[in-house]
Amino acid sequence: MGIQVQVEFIDTVEDMVLWDNSSLGIQGQYSEESEGEEVGRAEAILLLVQRIVDGAQSNW
């Protein structure tokens, strides 16, 4: 299961982009025999959130 998003953090006071990634993607894995697609989706979302946090913190 793969997810791809575009993320942008903007400082609205200074009107400047703090961090952006226009092609942030991640793959979640699951076993077709014992797990459903929702397991892969949940894993992908958790990994995606971590990448967003890591990317945003890299500029602070």
N, C-alpha and C. Protein backbone atom coordinates (compact mmCIF):
# COMPACT_ATOMS: atom_id res chain seq x y z
N MET A 1 0.86 -1.17 0.00
CA MET A 1 0.00 0.00 0.00
C MET A 1 0.89 1.22 0.00
N GLY A 2 0.74 2.10 -0.97
CA GLY A 2 1.54 3.30 -1.07
C GLY A 2 0.70 4.56 -0.96
N ILE A 3 1.29 5.57 -0.36
CA ILE A 3 0.63 6.88 -0.21
C ILE A 3 1.63 7.95 -0.63
N GLN A 4 1.16 8.93 -1.37
CA GLN A 4 2.01 10.06 -1.76
C GLN A 4 1.23 11.34 -1.49
N VAL A 5 1.92 12.32 -0.88
CA VAL A 5 1.29 13.58 -0.53
C VAL A 5 2.23 14.75 -0.86
N GLN A 6 1.66 15.93 -0.85
CA GLN A 6 2.42 17.17 -0.96
C GLN A 6 2.22 17.91 0.35
N VAL A 7 3.33 18.31 0.99
CA VAL A 7 3.27 18.95 2.31
C VAL A 7 3.97 20.29 2.24
N GLU A 8 3.38 21.28 2.90
CA GLU A 8 3.98 22.61 2.94
C GLU A 8 3.66 23.25 4.28
N PHE A 9 4.70 23.67 5.00
CA PHE A 9 4.53 24.43 6.24
C PHE A 9 4.84 25.88 5.93
N ILE A 10 3.90 26.77 6.27
CA ILE A 10 4.03 28.18 5.95
C ILE A 10 3.96 29.01 7.22
N ASP A 11 4.88 29.94 7.35
CA ASP A 11 4.82 30.93 8.41
C ASP A 11 3.89 32.03 7.91
N THR A 12 2.69 32.08 8.42
CA THR A 12 1.71 33.04 7.92
C THR A 12 2.00 34.47 8.38
N VAL A 13 2.77 34.63 9.44
CA VAL A 13 3.13 35.97 9.90
C VAL A 13 4.16 36.58 8.96
N GLU A 14 5.20 35.79 8.65
CA GLU A 14 6.27 36.26 7.77
C GLU A 14 5.98 35.97 6.29
N ASP A 15 4.92 35.23 6.01
CA ASP A 15 4.54 34.83 4.66
C ASP A 15 5.70 34.17 3.91
N MET A 16 6.23 33.12 4.54
CA MET A 16 7.31 32.39 3.91
C MET A 16 7.16 30.89 4.16
N VAL A 17 7.63 30.12 3.21
CA VAL A 17 7.57 28.67 3.33
C VAL A 17 8.70 28.21 4.24
N LEU A 18 8.33 27.50 5.30
CA LEU A 18 9.32 26.98 6.23
C LEU A 18 9.88 25.64 5.77
N TRP A 19 9.02 24.82 5.20
CA TRP A 19 9.43 23.50 4.71
C TRP A 19 8.38 23.00 3.73
N ASP A 20 8.84 22.37 2.67
CA ASP A 20 7.88 21.76 1.75
C ASP A 20 8.50 20.52 1.10
N ASN A 21 7.63 19.65 0.69
CA ASN A 21 8.02 18.45 -0.04
C ASN A 21 6.87 18.13 -0.98
N SER A 22 7.10 18.25 -2.26
CA SER A 22 6.02 18.09 -3.22
C SER A 22 5.79 16.64 -3.64
N SER A 23 6.65 15.75 -3.21
CA SER A 23 6.46 14.35 -3.60
C SER A 23 6.88 13.40 -2.49
N LEU A 24 6.30 13.59 -1.34
CA LEU A 24 6.61 12.74 -0.19
C LEU A 24 5.79 11.46 -0.30
N GLY A 25 6.46 10.34 -0.40
CA GLY A 25 5.76 9.08 -0.56
C GLY A 25 6.31 8.02 0.37
N ILE A 26 5.49 7.04 0.66
CA ILE A 26 5.87 5.96 1.57
C ILE A 26 5.10 4.70 1.21
N GLN A 27 5.68 3.57 1.51
CA GLN A 27 5.04 2.28 1.28
C GLN A 27 4.78 1.60 2.61
N GLY A 28 3.58 1.10 2.80
CA GLY A 28 3.26 0.26 3.95
C GLY A 28 3.14 -1.17 3.48
N GLN A 29 3.54 -2.11 4.32
CA GLN A 29 3.52 -3.51 3.91
C GLN A 29 2.53 -4.29 4.77
N TYR A 30 1.97 -5.32 4.17
CA TYR A 30 1.08 -6.21 4.90
C TYR A 30 1.09 -7.57 4.22
N SER A 31 0.74 -8.59 4.97
CA SER A 31 0.68 -9.94 4.44
C SER A 31 -0.72 -10.20 3.90
N GLU A 32 -0.81 -10.51 2.62
CA GLU A 32 -2.12 -10.75 2.01
C GLU A 32 -2.83 -11.95 2.63
N GLU A 33 -2.07 -12.92 3.12
CA GLU A 33 -2.67 -14.11 3.69
C GLU A 33 -3.31 -13.87 5.05
N SER A 34 -2.69 -13.01 5.87
CA SER A 34 -3.17 -12.87 7.25
C SER A 34 -3.63 -11.46 7.64
N GLU A 35 -3.41 -10.48 6.77
CA GLU A 35 -3.78 -9.10 7.10
C GLU A 35 -4.50 -8.46 5.92
N GLY A 36 -5.30 -7.47 6.22
CA GLY A 36 -5.99 -6.75 5.16
C GLY A 36 -5.21 -5.52 4.71
N GLU A 37 -5.69 -4.91 3.64
CA GLU A 37 -5.06 -3.72 3.10
C GLU A 37 -5.02 -2.59 4.11
N GLU A 38 -5.99 -2.55 5.02
CA GLU A 38 -6.03 -1.48 6.02
C GLU A 38 -4.80 -1.51 6.93
N VAL A 39 -4.20 -2.68 7.13
CA VAL A 39 -2.98 -2.78 7.92
C VAL A 39 -1.84 -2.07 7.20
N GLY A 40 -1.70 -2.30 5.91
CA GLY A 40 -0.68 -1.62 5.13
C GLY A 40 -0.91 -0.12 5.07
N ARG A 41 -2.16 0.28 4.95
CA ARG A 41 -2.50 1.71 4.91
C ARG A 41 -2.13 2.37 6.24
N ALA A 42 -2.47 1.73 7.35
CA ALA A 42 -2.17 2.29 8.67
C ALA A 42 -0.66 2.42 8.87
N GLU A 43 0.09 1.41 8.45
CA GLU A 43 1.55 1.47 8.56
C GLU A 43 2.10 2.61 7.71
N ALA A 44 1.60 2.75 6.49
CA ALA A 44 2.07 3.81 5.60
C ALA A 44 1.78 5.18 6.20
N ILE A 45 0.62 5.36 6.79
CA ILE A 45 0.27 6.65 7.40
C ILE A 45 1.19 6.97 8.56
N LEU A 46 1.46 5.99 9.41
CA LEU A 46 2.37 6.22 10.55
C LEU A 46 3.77 6.59 10.06
N LEU A 47 4.27 5.91 9.06
CA LEU A 47 5.59 6.22 8.51
C LEU A 47 5.61 7.59 7.85
N LEU A 48 4.52 7.94 7.18
CA LEU A 48 4.40 9.24 6.53
C LEU A 48 4.41 10.37 7.55
N VAL A 49 3.68 10.22 8.62
CA VAL A 49 3.66 11.22 9.69
C VAL A 49 5.07 11.42 10.25
N GLN A 50 5.79 10.32 10.47
CA GLN A 50 7.15 10.42 10.99
C GLN A 50 8.07 11.16 10.01
N ARG A 51 7.93 10.89 8.73
CA ARG A 51 8.75 11.60 7.73
C ARG A 51 8.44 13.09 7.69
N ILE A 52 7.16 13.44 7.84
CA ILE A 52 6.77 14.85 7.86
C ILE A 52 7.37 15.54 9.07
N VAL A 53 7.27 14.93 10.23
CA VAL A 53 7.83 15.50 11.46
C VAL A 53 9.34 15.64 11.32
N ASP A 54 10.00 14.60 10.85
CA ASP A 54 11.46 14.65 10.67
C ASP A 54 11.86 15.75 9.69
N GLY A 55 11.15 15.87 8.59
CA GLY A 55 11.45 16.90 7.60
C GLY A 55 11.25 18.30 8.13
N ALA A 56 10.16 18.51 8.85
CA ALA A 56 9.87 19.83 9.41
C ALA A 56 10.90 20.20 10.48
N GLN A 57 11.31 19.24 11.28
CA GLN A 57 12.28 19.52 12.35
C GLN A 57 13.68 19.76 11.80
N SER A 58 13.95 19.28 10.60
CA SER A 58 15.29 19.45 10.04
C SER A 58 15.62 20.92 9.77
N ASN A 59 14.60 21.75 9.67
CA ASN A 59 14.83 23.19 9.42
C ASN A 59 14.76 24.05 10.68
N TRP A 60 14.47 23.45 11.82
CA TRP A 60 14.34 24.25 13.04
C TRP A 60 15.53 24.12 13.92
